[in-house]
């Protein structure tokens, strides 16, 4: 069960951002490109250990926060901050799962924040 939940969430994250395009110039384009690359790299990681997945989500959230500060665009920074918060929530859910608490992670916030990030990076 745990391995399946981890793979489903990982696939969801990859699917949401793999379609995100970044255009424009300057720091915004670079920040968006870097966040997309982070998601692509995240999508190649596989683990059935919820603790490792939790750490991967937390690391991705931290990278999003750092990149968003370089964007020079309020919309990108805001959307990336929301995505980071959603990733932190999934990280907490995975840690809870590792502790034996069965809970289906809520991916709704992640979906909406990544849609917002996609728009901001367009």
PDB file of N, CA and C in Angstrom:
ATOM      1  N   UNK A   1       0.822  -1.198   0.000  1.00  0.00           N
ATOM      2  CA  UNK A   1       0.000   0.000   0.000  1.00  0.00           C
ATOM      3  C   UNK A   1       0.858   1.251   0.000  1.00  0.00           C
ATOM      4  N   UNK A   2       1.870   1.286   0.850  1.00  0.00           N
ATOM      5  CA  UNK A   2       2.687   2.494   0.947  1.00  0.00           C
ATOM      6  C   UNK A   2       3.379   2.805  -0.365  1.00  0.00           C
ATOM      7  N   UNK A   3       3.967   1.794  -0.998  1.00  0.00           N
ATOM      8  CA  UNK A   3       4.667   2.019  -2.254  1.00  0.00           C
ATOM      9  C   UNK A   3       3.748   2.569  -3.321  1.00  0.00           C
ATOM     10  N   UNK A   4       2.529   2.042  -3.381  1.00  0.00           N
ATOM     11  CA  UNK A   4       1.574   2.523  -4.376  1.00  0.00           C
ATOM     12  C   UNK A   4       1.198   3.979  -4.129  1.00  0.00           C
ATOM     13  N   UNK A   5       0.954   4.341  -2.888  1.00  0.00           N
ATOM     14  CA  UNK A   5       0.593   5.726  -2.573  1.00  0.00           C
ATOM     15  C   UNK A   5       1.714   6.676  -2.936  1.00  0.00           C
ATOM     16  N   UNK A   6       2.929   6.275  -2.657  1.00  0.00           N
ATOM     17  CA  UNK A   6       4.084   7.113  -2.958  1.00  0.00           C
ATOM     18  C   UNK A   6       4.223   7.306  -4.462  1.00  0.00           C
ATOM     19  N   UNK A   7       4.069   6.232  -5.224  1.00  0.00           N
ATOM     20  CA  UNK A   7       4.189   6.341  -6.685  1.00  0.00           C
ATOM     21  C   UNK A   7       3.080   7.199  -7.269  1.00  0.00           C
ATOM     22  N   UNK A   8       1.867   7.052  -6.753  1.00  0.00           N
ATOM     23  CA  UNK A   8       0.745   7.842  -7.263  1.00  0.00           C
ATOM     24  C   UNK A   8       0.991   9.320  -7.041  1.00  0.00           C
ATOM     25  N   UNK A   9       1.419   9.683  -5.863  1.00  0.00           N
ATOM     26  CA  UNK A   9       1.669  11.091  -5.570  1.00  0.00           C
ATOM     27  C   UNK A   9       2.818  11.614  -6.418  1.00  0.00           C
ATOM     28  N   UNK A  10       3.880  10.836  -6.554  1.00  0.00           N
ATOM     29  CA  UNK A  10       5.004  11.247  -7.389  1.00  0.00           C
ATOM     30  C   UNK A  10       4.591  11.460  -8.827  1.00  0.00           C
ATOM     31  N   UNK A  11       3.773  10.563  -9.337  1.00  0.00           N
ATOM     32  CA  UNK A  11       3.295  10.695 -10.716  1.00  0.00           C
ATOM     33  C   UNK A  11       2.415  11.927 -10.867  1.00  0.00           C
ATOM     34  N   UNK A  12       1.607  12.209  -9.869  1.00  0.00           N
ATOM     35  CA  UNK A  12       0.752  13.388  -9.899  1.00  0.00           C
ATOM     36  C   UNK A  12       1.586  14.660  -9.972  1.00  0.00           C
ATOM     37  N   UNK A  13       2.584  14.742  -9.126  1.00  0.00           N
ATOM     38  CA  UNK A  13       3.445  15.922  -9.113  1.00  0.00           C
ATOM     39  C   UNK A  13       4.128  16.093 -10.461  1.00  0.00           C
ATOM     40  N   UNK A  14       4.691  15.015 -10.993  1.00  0.00           N
ATOM     41  CA  UNK A  14       5.377  15.104 -12.275  1.00  0.00           C
ATOM     42  C   UNK A  14       4.414  15.494 -13.382  1.00  0.00           C
ATOM     43  N   UNK A  15       3.245  14.900 -13.392  1.00  0.00           N
ATOM     44  CA  UNK A  15       2.266  15.197 -14.432  1.00  0.00           C
ATOM     45  C   UNK A  15       1.790  16.629 -14.408  1.00  0.00           C
ATOM     46  N   UNK A  16       1.647  17.191 -13.236  1.00  0.00           N
ATOM     47  CA  UNK A  16       1.155  18.559 -13.122  1.00  0.00           C
ATOM     48  C   UNK A  16       2.142  19.568 -13.666  1.00  0.00           C
ATOM     49  N   UNK A  17       3.415  19.343 -13.460  1.00  0.00           N
ATOM     50  CA  UNK A  17       4.385  20.357 -13.824  1.00  0.00           C
ATOM     51  C   UNK A  17       5.073  20.063 -15.145  1.00  0.00           C
ATOM     52  N   UNK A  18       5.013  18.836 -15.613  1.00  0.00           N
ATOM     53  CA  UNK A  18       5.710  18.526 -16.856  1.00  0.00           C
ATOM     54  C   UNK A  18       5.138  19.316 -18.026  1.00  0.00           C
ATOM     55  N   UNK A  19       3.899  19.771 -17.898  1.00  0.00           N
ATOM     56  CA  UNK A  19       3.299  20.561 -18.967  1.00  0.00           C
ATOM     57  C   UNK A  19       3.534  22.054 -18.791  1.00  0.00           C
ATOM     58  N   UNK A  20       4.114  22.447 -17.677  1.00  0.00           N
ATOM     59  CA  UNK A  20       4.316  23.870 -17.413  1.00  0.00           C
ATOM     60  C   UNK A  20       5.378  24.422 -18.342  1.00  0.00           C
ATOM     61  N   UNK A  21       5.034  25.486 -19.017  1.00  0.00           N
ATOM     62  CA  UNK A  21       5.997  26.127 -19.896  1.00  0.00           C
ATOM     63  C   UNK A  21       6.425  27.448 -19.303  1.00  0.00           C
ATOM     64  N   UNK A  22       7.625  27.857 -19.631  1.00  0.00           N
ATOM     65  CA  UNK A  22       8.110  29.134 -19.135  1.00  0.00           C
ATOM     66  C   UNK A  22       8.562  29.958 -20.316  1.00  0.00           C
ATOM     67  N   UNK A  23       8.100  31.172 -20.349  1.00  0.00           N
ATOM     68  CA  UNK A  23       8.532  32.067 -21.410  1.00  0.00           C
ATOM     69  C   UNK A  23       8.793  33.423 -20.808  1.00  0.00           C
ATOM     70  N   UNK A  24       9.193  34.320 -21.631  1.00  0.00           N
ATOM     71  CA  UNK A  24       9.498  35.656 -21.126  1.00  0.00           C
ATOM     72  C   UNK A  24      10.990  35.833 -21.043  1.00  0.00           C
ATOM     73  N   UNK A  25      11.404  36.858 -20.356  1.00  0.00           N
ATOM     74  CA  UNK A  25      12.825  37.117 -20.290  1.00  0.00           C
ATOM     75  C   UNK A  25      13.292  37.319 -18.877  1.00  0.00           C
ATOM     76  N   UNK A  26      14.599  37.423 -18.749  1.00  0.00           N
ATOM     77  CA  UNK A  26      15.201  37.747 -17.466  1.00  0.00           C
ATOM     78  C   UNK A  26      15.110  36.653 -16.439  1.00  0.00           C
ATOM     79  N   UNK A  27      15.040  37.083 -15.198  1.00  0.00           N
ATOM     80  CA  UNK A  27      15.085  36.170 -14.069  1.00  0.00           C
ATOM     81  C   UNK A  27      13.853  35.277 -13.984  1.00  0.00           C
ATOM     82  N   UNK A  28      12.714  35.767 -14.426  1.00  0.00           N
ATOM     83  CA  UNK A  28      11.481  34.978 -14.387  1.00  0.00           C
ATOM     84  C   UNK A  28      11.637  33.707 -15.211  1.00  0.00           C
ATOM     85  N   UNK A  29      12.117  33.846 -16.422  1.00  0.00           N
ATOM     86  CA  UNK A  29      12.277  32.680 -17.293  1.00  0.00           C
ATOM     87  C   UNK A  29      13.269  31.685 -16.702  1.00  0.00           C
ATOM     88  N   UNK A  30      14.339  32.199 -16.139  1.00  0.00           N
ATOM     89  CA  UNK A  30      15.349  31.331 -15.538  1.00  0.00           C
ATOM     90  C   UNK A  30      14.783  30.606 -14.326  1.00  0.00           C
ATOM     91  N   UNK A  31      14.082  31.333 -13.473  1.00  0.00           N
ATOM     92  CA  UNK A  31      13.493  30.720 -12.278  1.00  0.00           C
ATOM     93  C   UNK A  31      12.478  29.657 -12.667  1.00  0.00           C
ATOM     94  N   UNK A  32      11.635  29.945 -13.637  1.00  0.00           N
ATOM     95  CA  UNK A  32      10.634  28.977 -14.084  1.00  0.00           C
ATOM     96  C   UNK A  32      11.304  27.748 -14.689  1.00  0.00           C
ATOM     97  N   UNK A  33      12.315  27.984 -15.506  1.00  0.00           N
ATOM     98  CA  UNK A  33      13.041  26.869 -16.114  1.00  0.00           C
ATOM     99  C   UNK A  33      13.685  25.998 -15.041  1.00  0.00           C
ATOM    100  N   UNK A  34      14.285  26.629 -14.045  1.00  0.00           N
ATOM    101  CA  UNK A  34      14.938  25.880 -12.972  1.00  0.00           C
ATOM    102  C   UNK A  34      13.939  25.074 -12.153  1.00  0.00           C
ATOM    103  N   UNK A  35      12.761  25.656 -11.890  1.00  0.00           N
ATOM    104  CA  UNK A  35      11.743  24.908 -11.146  1.00  0.00           C
ATOM    105  C   UNK A  35      11.245  23.717 -11.960  1.00  0.00           C
ATOM    106  N   UNK A  36      11.084  23.912 -13.256  1.00  0.00           N
ATOM    107  CA  UNK A  36      10.660  22.802 -14.112  1.00  0.00           C
ATOM    108  C   UNK A  36      11.715  21.702 -14.104  1.00  0.00           C
ATOM    109  N   UNK A  37      12.983  22.076 -14.142  1.00  0.00           N
ATOM    110  CA  UNK A  37      14.059  21.079 -14.098  1.00  0.00           C
ATOM    111  C   UNK A  37      14.064  20.330 -12.768  1.00  0.00           C
ATOM    112  N   UNK A  38      13.781  21.036 -11.680  1.00  0.00           N
ATOM    113  CA  UNK A  38      13.712  20.386 -10.364  1.00  0.00           C
ATOM    114  C   UNK A  38      12.597  19.344 -10.340  1.00  0.00           C
ATOM    115  N   UNK A  39      11.460  19.686 -10.931  1.00  0.00           N
ATOM    116  CA  UNK A  39      10.347  18.740 -10.992  1.00  0.00           C
ATOM    117  C   UNK A  39      10.715  17.534 -11.848  1.00  0.00           C
ATOM    118  N   UNK A  40      11.369  17.770 -12.966  1.00  0.00           N
ATOM    119  CA  UNK A  40      11.784  16.656 -13.825  1.00  0.00           C
ATOM    120  C   UNK A  40      12.742  15.727 -13.084  1.00  0.00           C
ATOM    121  N   UNK A  41      13.681  16.308 -12.361  1.00  0.00           N
ATOM    122  CA  UNK A  41      14.621  15.501 -11.583  1.00  0.00           C
ATOM    123  C   UNK A  41      13.887  14.751 -10.477  1.00  0.00           C
ATOM    124  N   UNK A  42      12.911  15.411  -9.861  1.00  0.00           N
ATOM    125  CA  UNK A  42      12.115  14.779  -8.808  1.00  0.00           C
ATOM    126  C   UNK A  42      11.364  13.576  -9.368  1.00  0.00           C
ATOM    127  N   UNK A  43      10.855  13.708 -10.576  1.00  0.00           N
ATOM    128  CA  UNK A  43      10.084  12.639 -11.200  1.00  0.00           C
ATOM    129  C   UNK A  43      10.886  11.393 -11.491  1.00  0.00           C
ATOM    130  N   UNK A  44      12.200  11.503 -11.523  1.00  0.00           N
ATOM    131  CA  UNK A  44      13.030  10.328 -11.789  1.00  0.00           C
ATOM    132  C   UNK A  44      13.369   9.560 -10.512  1.00  0.00           C
ATOM    133  N   UNK A  45      13.104  10.167  -9.364  1.00  0.00           N
ATOM    134  CA  UNK A  45      13.391   9.508  -8.093  1.00  0.00           C
ATOM    135  C   UNK A  45      12.280   8.519  -7.772  1.00  0.00           C
ATOM    136  N   UNK A  46      12.678   7.337  -7.338  1.00  0.00           N
ATOM    137  CA  UNK A  46      11.692   6.341  -6.960  1.00  0.00           C
ATOM    138  C   UNK A  46      12.059   5.778  -5.603  1.00  0.00           C
ATOM    139  N   UNK A  47      11.062   5.674  -4.766  1.00  0.00           N
ATOM    140  CA  UNK A  47      11.275   5.103  -3.449  1.00  0.00           C
ATOM    141  C   UNK A  47       9.944   4.601  -2.910  1.00  0.00           C
ATOM    142  N   UNK A  48      10.004   3.508  -2.200  1.00  0.00           N
ATOM    143  CA  UNK A  48       8.799   3.019  -1.537  1.00  0.00           C
ATOM    144  C   UNK A  48       8.845   3.360  -0.052  1.00  0.00           C
ATOM    145  N   UNK A  49       9.908   4.050   0.377  1.00  0.00           N
ATOM    146  CA  UNK A  49      10.052   4.449   1.769  1.00  0.00           C
ATOM    147  C   UNK A  49       9.452   5.840   1.949  1.00  0.00           C
ATOM    148  N   UNK A  50       8.350   5.932   2.701  1.00  0.00           N
ATOM    149  CA  UNK A  50       7.704   7.238   2.871  1.00  0.00           C
ATOM    150  C   UNK A  50       8.610   8.292   3.499  1.00  0.00           C
ATOM    151  N   UNK A  51       9.571   7.883   4.309  1.00  0.00           N
ATOM    152  CA  UNK A  51      10.490   8.863   4.903  1.00  0.00           C
ATOM    153  C   UNK A  51      11.352   9.518   3.828  1.00  0.00           C
ATOM    154  N   UNK A  52      11.815   8.720   2.876  1.00  0.00           N
ATOM    155  CA  UNK A  52      12.621   9.275   1.787  1.00  0.00           C
ATOM    156  C   UNK A  52      11.781  10.185   0.889  1.00  0.00           C
ATOM    157  N   UNK A  53      10.553   9.776   0.646  1.00  0.00           N
ATOM    158  CA  UNK A  53       9.663  10.594  -0.179  1.00  0.00           C
ATOM    159  C   UNK A  53       9.346  11.903   0.545  1.00  0.00           C
ATOM    160  N   UNK A  54       9.119  11.813   1.848  1.00  0.00           N
ATOM    161  CA  UNK A  54       8.854  13.018   2.645  1.00  0.00           C
ATOM    162  C   UNK A  54      10.021  13.990   2.535  1.00  0.00           C
ATOM    163  N   UNK A  55      11.227  13.471   2.622  1.00  0.00           N
ATOM    164  CA  UNK A  55      12.404  14.341   2.520  1.00  0.00           C
ATOM    165  C   UNK A  55      12.532  14.937   1.121  1.00  0.00           C
ATOM    166  N   UNK A  56      12.203  14.145   0.114  1.00  0.00           N
ATOM    167  CA  UNK A  56      12.266  14.644  -1.266  1.00  0.00           C
ATOM    168  C   UNK A  56      11.270  15.778  -1.482  1.00  0.00           C
ATOM    169  N   UNK A  57      10.048  15.645  -0.934  1.00  0.00           N
ATOM    170  CA  UNK A  57       9.066  16.723  -1.037  1.00  0.00           C
ATOM    171  C   UNK A  57       9.555  17.973  -0.309  1.00  0.00           C
ATOM    172  N   UNK A  58      10.106  17.800   0.880  1.00  0.00           N
ATOM    173  CA  UNK A  58      10.612  18.937   1.653  1.00  0.00           C
ATOM    174  C   UNK A  58      11.754  19.629   0.911  1.00  0.00           C
ATOM    175  N   UNK A  59      12.646  18.841   0.317  1.00  0.00           N
ATOM    176  CA  UNK A  59      13.758  19.418  -0.447  1.00  0.00           C
ATOM    177  C   UNK A  59      13.252  20.192  -1.659  1.00  0.00           C
ATOM    178  N   UNK A  60      12.251  19.640  -2.336  1.00  0.00           N
ATOM    179  CA  UNK A  60      11.693  20.309  -3.509  1.00  0.00           C
ATOM    180  C   UNK A  60      11.036  21.633  -3.101  1.00  0.00           C
ATOM    181  N   UNK A  61      10.334  21.631  -1.989  1.00  0.00           N
ATOM    182  CA  UNK A  61       9.710  22.864  -1.498  1.00  0.00           C
ATOM    183  C   UNK A  61      10.768  23.928  -1.221  1.00  0.00           C
ATOM    184  N   UNK A  62      11.857  23.524  -0.622  1.00  0.00           N
ATOM    185  CA  UNK A  62      12.942  24.459  -0.306  1.00  0.00           C
ATOM    186  C   UNK A  62      13.546  25.044  -1.593  1.00  0.00           C
ATOM    187  N   UNK A  63      13.731  24.207  -2.598  1.00  0.00           N
ATOM    188  CA  UNK A  63      14.282  24.679  -3.872  1.00  0.00           C
ATOM    189  C   UNK A  63      13.320  25.635  -4.568  1.00  0.00           C
ATOM    190  N   UNK A  64      12.019  25.346  -4.495  1.00  0.00           N
ATOM    191  CA  UNK A  64      11.027  26.236  -5.090  1.00  0.00           C
ATOM    192  C   UNK A  64      11.077  27.608  -4.430  1.00  0.00           C
ATOM    193  N   UNK A  65      11.178  27.623  -3.115  1.00  0.00           N
ATOM    194  CA  UNK A  65      11.236  28.908  -2.403  1.00  0.00           C
ATOM    195  C   UNK A  65      12.457  29.718  -2.839  1.00  0.00           C
ATOM    196  N   UNK A  66      13.583  29.044  -2.944  1.00  0.00           N
ATOM    197  CA  UNK A  66      14.814  29.731  -3.340  1.00  0.00           C
ATOM    198  C   UNK A  66      14.703  30.275  -4.766  1.00  0.00           C
ATOM    199  N   UNK A  67      14.206  29.470  -5.684  1.00  0.00           N
ATOM    200  CA  UNK A  67      14.083  29.908  -7.078  1.00  0.00           C
ATOM    201  C   UNK A  67      13.094  31.053  -7.229  1.00  0.00           C
ATOM    202  N   UNK A  68      12.009  30.990  -6.480  1.00  0.00           N
ATOM    203  CA  UNK A  68      10.977  32.018  -6.640  1.00  0.00           C
ATOM    204  C   UNK A  68      11.498  33.396  -6.249  1.00  0.00           C
ATOM    205  N   UNK A  69      12.420  33.440  -5.320  1.00  0.00           N
ATOM    206  CA  UNK A  69      12.977  34.728  -4.891  1.00  0.00           C
ATOM    207  C   UNK A  69      13.826  35.365  -5.984  1.00  0.00           C
ATOM    208  N   UNK A  70      14.309  34.546  -6.909  1.00  0.00           N
ATOM    209  CA  UNK A  70      15.131  35.050  -8.011  1.00  0.00           C
ATOM    210  C   UNK A  70      14.293  35.441  -9.232  1.00  0.00           C
ATOM    211  N   UNK A  71      13.005  35.188  -9.181  1.00  0.00           N
ATOM    212  CA  UNK A  71      12.164  35.390 -10.361  1.00  0.00           C
ATOM    213  C   UNK A  71      11.944  36.852 -10.698  1.00  0.00           C
ATOM    214  N   UNK A  72      11.916  37.708  -9.688  1.00  0.00           N
ATOM    215  CA  UNK A  72      11.631  39.108  -9.958  1.00  0.00           C
ATOM    216  C   UNK A  72      10.207  39.313 -10.427  1.00  0.00           C
ATOM    217  N   UNK A  73       9.325  38.400 -10.085  1.00  0.00           N
ATOM    218  CA  UNK A  73       7.937  38.468 -10.519  1.00  0.00           C
ATOM    219  C   UNK A  73       7.050  38.044  -9.347  1.00  0.00           C
ATOM    220  N   UNK A  74       6.169  38.932  -8.928  1.00  0.00           N
ATOM    221  CA  UNK A  74       5.313  38.655  -7.767  1.00  0.00           C
ATOM    222  C   UNK A  74       4.421  37.434  -7.972  1.00  0.00           C
ATOM    223  N   UNK A  75       3.904  37.264  -9.186  1.00  0.00           N
ATOM    224  CA  UNK A  75       3.013  36.132  -9.452  1.00  0.00           C
ATOM    225  C   UNK A  75       3.756  34.805  -9.353  1.00  0.00           C
ATOM    226  N   UNK A  76       4.951  34.749  -9.900  1.00  0.00           N
ATOM    227  CA  UNK A  76       5.750  33.517  -9.823  1.00  0.00           C
ATOM    228  C   UNK A  76       6.128  33.238  -8.374  1.00  0.00           C
ATOM    229  N   UNK A  77       6.538  34.276  -7.668  1.00  0.00           N
ATOM    230  CA  UNK A  77       6.931  34.086  -6.268  1.00  0.00           C
ATOM    231  C   UNK A  77       5.751  33.604  -5.423  1.00  0.00           C
ATOM    232  N   UNK A  78       4.593  34.193  -5.626  1.00  0.00           N
ATOM    233  CA  UNK A  78       3.407  33.798  -4.870  1.00  0.00           C
ATOM    234  C   UNK A  78       2.994  32.357  -5.187  1.00  0.00           C
ATOM    235  N   UNK A  79       2.962  32.024  -6.470  1.00  0.00           N
ATOM    236  CA  UNK A  79       2.567  30.672  -6.868  1.00  0.00           C
ATOM    237  C   UNK A  79       3.564  29.633  -6.372  1.00  0.00           C
ATOM    238  N   UNK A  80       4.845  29.948  -6.446  1.00  0.00           N
ATOM    239  CA  UNK A  80       5.875  29.021  -5.967  1.00  0.00           C
ATOM    240  C   UNK A  80       5.787  28.853  -4.453  1.00  0.00           C
ATOM    241  N   UNK A  81       5.446  29.914  -3.750  1.00  0.00           N
ATOM    242  CA  UNK A  81       5.281  29.824  -2.295  1.00  0.00           C
ATOM    243  C   UNK A  81       4.107  28.908  -1.953  1.00  0.00           C
ATOM    244  N   UNK A  82       3.014  29.027  -2.697  1.00  0.00           N
ATOM    245  CA  UNK A  82       1.862  28.152  -2.470  1.00  0.00           C
ATOM    246  C   UNK A  82       2.215  26.702  -2.791  1.00  0.00           C
ATOM    247  N   UNK A  83       2.961  26.488  -3.880  1.00  0.00           N
ATOM    248  CA  UNK A  83       3.387  25.132  -4.228  1.00  0.00           C
ATOM    249  C   UNK A  83       4.300  24.561  -3.147  1.00  0.00           C
ATOM    250  N   UNK A  84       5.176  25.396  -2.608  1.00  0.00           N
ATOM    251  CA  UNK A  84       6.079  24.965  -1.536  1.00  0.00           C
ATOM    252  C   UNK A  84       5.297  24.551  -0.298  1.00  0.00           C
ATOM    253  N   UNK A  85       4.283  25.321   0.036  1.00  0.00           N
ATOM    254  CA  UNK A  85       3.443  24.994   1.189  1.00  0.00           C
ATOM    255  C   UNK A  85       2.724  23.661   0.965  1.00  0.00           C
ATOM    256  N   UNK A  86       2.221  23.454  -0.257  1.00  0.00           N
ATOM    257  CA  UNK A  86       1.546  22.195  -0.577  1.00  0.00           C
ATOM    258  C   UNK A  86       2.525  21.021  -0.504  1.00  0.00           C
ATOM    259  N   UNK A  87       3.735  21.225  -1.001  1.00  0.00           N
ATOM    260  CA  UNK A  87       4.758  20.172  -0.937  1.00  0.00           C
ATOM    261  C   UNK A  87       5.132  19.872   0.511  1.00  0.00           C
ATOM    262  N   UNK A  88       5.213  20.905   1.338  1.00  0.00           N
ATOM    263  CA  UNK A  88       5.476  20.688   2.765  1.00  0.00           C
ATOM    264  C   UNK A  88       4.358  19.860   3.396  1.00  0.00           C
ATOM    265  N   UNK A  89       3.123  20.120   2.979  1.00  0.00           N
ATOM    266  CA  UNK A  89       1.992  19.344   3.483  1.00  0.00           C
ATOM    267  C   UNK A  89       2.089  17.882   3.090  1.00  0.00           C
ATOM    268  N   UNK A  90       2.474  17.630   1.841  1.00  0.00           N
ATOM    269  CA  UNK A  90       2.654  16.244   1.406  1.00  0.00           C
ATOM    270  C   UNK A  90       3.810  15.582   2.147  1.00  0.00           C
ATOM    271  N   UNK A  91       4.846  16.358   2.418  1.00  0.00           N
ATOM    272  CA  UNK A  91       5.964  15.835   3.197  1.00  0.00           C
ATOM    273  C   UNK A  91       5.493  15.392   4.580  1.00  0.00           C
ATOM    274  N   UNK A  92       4.673  16.227   5.212  1.00  0.00           N
ATOM    275  CA  UNK A  92       4.130  15.888   6.534  1.00  0.00           C
ATOM    276  C   UNK A  92       3.240  14.646   6.449  1.00  0.00           C
ATOM    277  N   UNK A  93       2.450  14.547   5.391  1.00  0.00           N
ATOM    278  CA  UNK A  93       1.601  13.369   5.211  1.00  0.00           C
ATOM    279  C   UNK A  93       2.441  12.095   5.065  1.00  0.00           C
ATOM    280  N   UNK A  94       3.551  12.206   4.334  1.00  0.00           N
ATOM    281  CA  UNK A  94       4.419  11.039   4.157  1.00  0.00           C
ATOM    282  C   UNK A  94       5.104  10.653   5.471  1.00  0.00           C
ATOM    283  N   UNK A  95       5.482  11.638   6.253  1.00  0.00           N
ATOM    284  CA  UNK A  95       6.074  11.347   7.565  1.00  0.00           C
ATOM    285  C   UNK A  95       5.048  10.662   8.469  1.00  0.00           C
ATOM    286  N   UNK A  96       3.815  11.106   8.391  1.00  0.00           N
ATOM    287  CA  UNK A  96       2.742  10.488   9.157  1.00  0.00           C
ATOM    288  C   UNK A  96       2.523   9.045   8.707  1.00  0.00           C
ATOM    289  N   UNK A  97       2.569   8.829   7.407  1.00  0.00           N
ATOM    290  CA  UNK A  97       2.437   7.481   6.862  1.00  0.00           C
ATOM    291  C   UNK A  97       3.576   6.595   7.349  1.00  0.00           C
ATOM    292  N   UNK A  98       4.783   7.137   7.371  1.00  0.00           N
ATOM    293  CA  UNK A  98       5.949   6.375   7.852  1.00  0.00           C
ATOM    294  C   UNK A  98       5.783   5.994   9.323  1.00  0.00           C
ATOM    295  N   UNK A  99       5.058   6.819  10.071  1.00  0.00           N
ATOM    296  CA  UNK A  99       4.832   6.547  11.489  1.00  0.00           C
ATOM    297  C   UNK A  99       3.679   5.560  11.702  1.00  0.00           C
ATOM    298  N   UNK A 100       3.071   5.110  10.612  1.00  0.00           N
ATOM    299  CA  UNK A 100       2.007   4.120  10.715  1.00  0.00           C
ATOM    300  C   UNK A 100       0.605   4.688  10.675  1.00  0.00           C
ATOM    301  N   UNK A 101       0.477   5.975  10.484  1.00  0.00           N
ATOM    302  CA  UNK A 101      -0.848   6.606  10.401  1.00  0.00           C
ATOM    303  C   UNK A 101      -1.332   6.580   8.958  1.00  0.00           C
ATOM    304  N   UNK A 102      -2.347   5.815   8.703  1.00  0.00           N
ATOM    305  CA  UNK A 102      -2.872   5.698   7.355  1.00  0.00           C
ATOM    306  C   UNK A 102      -3.778   6.893   7.075  1.00  0.00           C
ATOM    307  N   UNK A 103      -3.365   7.670   6.105  1.00  0.00           N
ATOM    308  CA  UNK A 103      -4.102   8.864   5.722  1.00  0.00           C
ATOM    309  C   UNK A 103      -3.849   9.093   4.245  1.00  0.00           C
ATOM    310  N   UNK A 104      -4.889   9.316   3.515  1.00  0.00           N
ATOM    311  CA  UNK A 104      -4.722   9.599   2.094  1.00  0.00           C
ATOM    312  C   UNK A 104      -4.322  11.062   1.961  1.00  0.00           C
ATOM    313  N   UNK A 105      -3.152  11.305   1.379  1.00  0.00           N
ATOM    314  CA  UNK A 105      -2.693  12.694   1.237  1.00  0.00           C
ATOM    315  C   UNK A 105      -3.646  13.508   0.360  1.00  0.00           C
ATOM    316  N   UNK A 106      -3.842  14.751   0.739  1.00  0.00           N
ATOM    317  CA  UNK A 106      -4.686  15.663  -0.012  1.00  0.00           C
ATOM    318  C   UNK A 106      -3.827  16.388  -1.037  1.00  0.00           C
ATOM    319  N   UNK A 107      -4.079  16.125  -2.291  1.00  0.00           N
ATOM    320  CA  UNK A 107      -3.284  16.730  -3.360  1.00  0.00           C
ATOM    321  C   UNK A 107      -3.990  17.917  -4.009  1.00  0.00           C
ATOM    322  N   UNK A 108      -5.159  18.275  -3.512  1.00  0.00           N
ATOM    323  CA  UNK A 108      -5.928  19.378  -4.093  1.00  0.00           C
ATOM    324  C   UNK A 108      -5.150  20.693  -4.083  1.00  0.00           C
ATOM    325  N   UNK A 109      -4.529  21.006  -2.956  1.00  0.00           N
ATOM    326  CA  UNK A 109      -3.772  22.247  -2.839  1.00  0.00           C
ATOM    327  C   UNK A 109      -2.591  22.258  -3.816  1.00  0.00           C
ATOM    328  N   UNK A 110      -1.957  21.106  -3.960  1.00  0.00           N
ATOM    329  CA  UNK A 110      -0.831  21.005  -4.885  1.00  0.00           C
ATOM    330  C   UNK A 110      -1.297  21.233  -6.319  1.00  0.00           C
ATOM    331  N   UNK A 111      -2.416  20.637  -6.680  1.00  0.00           N
ATOM    332  CA  UNK A 111      -2.938  20.811  -8.031  1.00  0.00           C
ATOM    333  C   UNK A 111      -3.224  22.273  -8.338  1.00  0.00           C
ATOM    334  N   UNK A 112      -3.903  22.944  -7.432  1.00  0.00           N
ATOM    335  CA  UNK A 112      -4.250  24.345  -7.709  1.00  0.00           C
ATOM    336  C   UNK A 112      -3.021  25.248  -7.704  1.00  0.00           C
ATOM    337  N   UNK A 113      -2.066  24.984  -6.817  1.00  0.00           N
ATOM    338  CA  UNK A 113      -0.870  25.834  -6.778  1.00  0.00           C
ATOM    339  C   UNK A 113      -0.001  25.623  -8.010  1.00  0.00           C
ATOM    340  N   UNK A 114       0.061  24.396  -8.505  1.00  0.00           N
ATOM    341  CA  UNK A 114       0.856  24.158  -9.713  1.00  0.00           C
ATOM    342  C   UNK A 114       0.174  24.730 -10.938  1.00  0.00           C
ATOM    343  N   UNK A 115      -1.148  24.733 -10.970  1.00  0.00           N
ATOM    344  CA  UNK A 115      -1.862  25.388 -12.070  1.00  0.00           C
ATOM    345  C   UNK A 115      -1.573  26.888 -12.049  1.00  0.00           C
ATOM    346  N   UNK A 116      -1.552  27.464 -10.858  1.00  0.00           N
ATOM    347  CA  UNK A 116      -1.241  28.890 -10.715  1.00  0.00           C
ATOM    348  C   UNK A 116       0.200  29.164 -11.143  1.00  0.00           C
ATOM    349  N   UNK A 117       1.108  28.273 -10.774  1.00  0.00           N
ATOM    350  CA  UNK A 117       2.506  28.438 -11.155  1.00  0.00           C
ATOM    351  C   UNK A 117       2.680  28.328 -12.669  1.00  0.00           C
ATOM    352  N   UNK A 118       1.936  27.411 -13.267  1.00  0.00           N
ATOM    353  CA  UNK A 118       1.995  27.277 -14.715  1.00  0.00           C
ATOM    354  C   UNK A 118       1.566  28.568 -15.396  1.00  0.00           C
ATOM    355  N   UNK A 119       0.491  29.171 -14.922  1.00  0.00           N
ATOM    356  CA  UNK A 119       0.014  30.440 -15.490  1.00  0.00           C
ATOM    357  C   UNK A 119       1.048  31.545 -15.281  1.00  0.00           C
ATOM    358  N   UNK A 120       1.617  31.598 -14.086  1.00  0.00           N
ATOM    359  CA  UNK A 120       2.580  32.663 -13.779  1.00  0.00           C
ATOM    360  C   UNK A 120       3.845  32.548 -14.631  1.00  0.00           C
ATOM    361  N   UNK A 121       4.198  31.332 -14.986  1.00  0.00           N
ATOM    362  CA  UNK A 121       5.409  31.118 -15.783  1.00  0.00           C
ATOM    363  C   UNK A 121       5.163  31.241 -17.282  1.00  0.00           C
ATOM    364  N   UNK A 122       3.925  31.348 -17.686  1.00  0.00           N
ATOM    365  CA  UNK A 122       3.612  31.433 -19.125  1.00  0.00           C
ATOM    366  C   UNK A 122       3.969  32.790 -19.687  1.00  0.00           C
TER     367      UNK A 122
END
